[in-house]
C-alpha cells in the first residue's frame, strides 16, 4: 500500500503551533489534536535539506586541511538561530515527538521497539526495515528536526571545548562526545521556561566533557572518586609548595584520609606506549621500545616489562593453597599443563572419591576468591 505523500510546510505548521503557544499549559493537548487532524488528512511534515541553514563556502576552504579545521569551517558555515527561530524549532520538535508517540501507539509499539531497530535515514526508508512505514516517516521527521537544532548549536561545542584544551584528551574525541550530548539536551529542553537553548545545553556539554575525561583519558580506567581526590592532592601540594610532600602532610592539608591520598597517588601513575616517539613532531624520532629493546631478543616486548604478570599473579594465588588443593586446581584447570583433567582422572591420581575431589576443588576456589587475587584468577573461575 502506497501512503499519501501530501506535505505540510513547516511555515504552515509554525502558524498553528504559534497559536497554541499562547497558552503553554494547553500546548500538549493542542498538539495531540493537531496531530490527529494531520493524520486524518494524510499530511506529512516537510523535511528540510541541511543546506538551507548553511552559508556557501568558498572553494578554497574545501582543500586538504586537518580534520579539526574542517569541522571548524563546517560549523562556521552553519547559520545560528535567533530567539524566535529557536522557540519555533523547539515547538516543532515537541509536536513531532507527540505525533511519533501517537504513531507508535497506533502500531502497538513502544519507544523501546523503535530504539532497537535499524533507524531509517532522514531522506529514505532503509531496505529491510521492519517498522511500519508511518512510524518510519514520523521518526524521520523528528530526527531531522532534532538534527537541525543540534547542527545550528554546534558552535557551542567549539566554544566550550577550549576550556579543556589543557588536558591530554583529543579535541576531536571531546567534540564527538559533546555532539552526542547536544541530542540529549534537545530531548530535555523545555521552551516554556523562556531560556535560550544554549543556556541549558552548556550543562550537558560540560557533563559530557568531564565524563569523557574521567573515563577514557587513562589507559587503565581510574575510578572517578580517585581522580577527584587526586585533584585535591595536587592542590594541596601546590599550597604546601612541595611536590614531594609526604602523604601525612598532604592528607592534613587536603583534609582527606591518608588511605585515600595514598590510593589517589598510586592511581595517578602515567602510562606511555612503547611505540610512541618521544618528540611526536619529529618523524621517526626515538621511541621507548628502542631503549628497552635487548639486542639478543627478536621482539622488543617481553613480560619482564610488566609490573604484574599473569604467571606471577597465579603463582602468588596458588601459593596460598595447601599442597593437595594446589594439585587439584592445577589438574582441573590445566594450569601449567597441556590440558585440563576431569574429576575422575584427578580422583584416580589421588586415590580418593569423585566427591572428595569436588570438595577440595570448592574449598580451594573459595580461598582464591580473595578480592586481592580475584582479577588474576578470574579467567580460571568461569
Foldseek 3Di string as FASTA:
>chain_A
DDADEAEDELVNVLVQQVVLVVDVVCSLVSLLVVLVVCVVVRYAYDQDDQVVQFADDDPVQPDDDDPVSVVVVRLVRGHADDLVRQLSLLSQLVSLVSNLQVVCVVVVHHVVVVVVWDQQALPDGDPPGPDDPVNNRSVSSNVSSLVSNLSNPLVLLVVVLVVVPPDPDDSVVLSVQLSVLSSVLSVPDDCSVVDDSSVSSVVSSVVSNVVCCQAPPAPDHDHPVLVVVVVLLVVLCVVVVHPPDDLVSSCVSSVHDSVSSVVSVVVPDHDDDQPQAPDNVDPPHDGNLVVQADPVDPDSDDCVPDPDDLVNLVVVLLVVDDPLLSVLLCQQQVPVHPHHDDLVVSCVVVVHDSVVSVVSPVVSVVSCCPVVSCVSCVVSVD
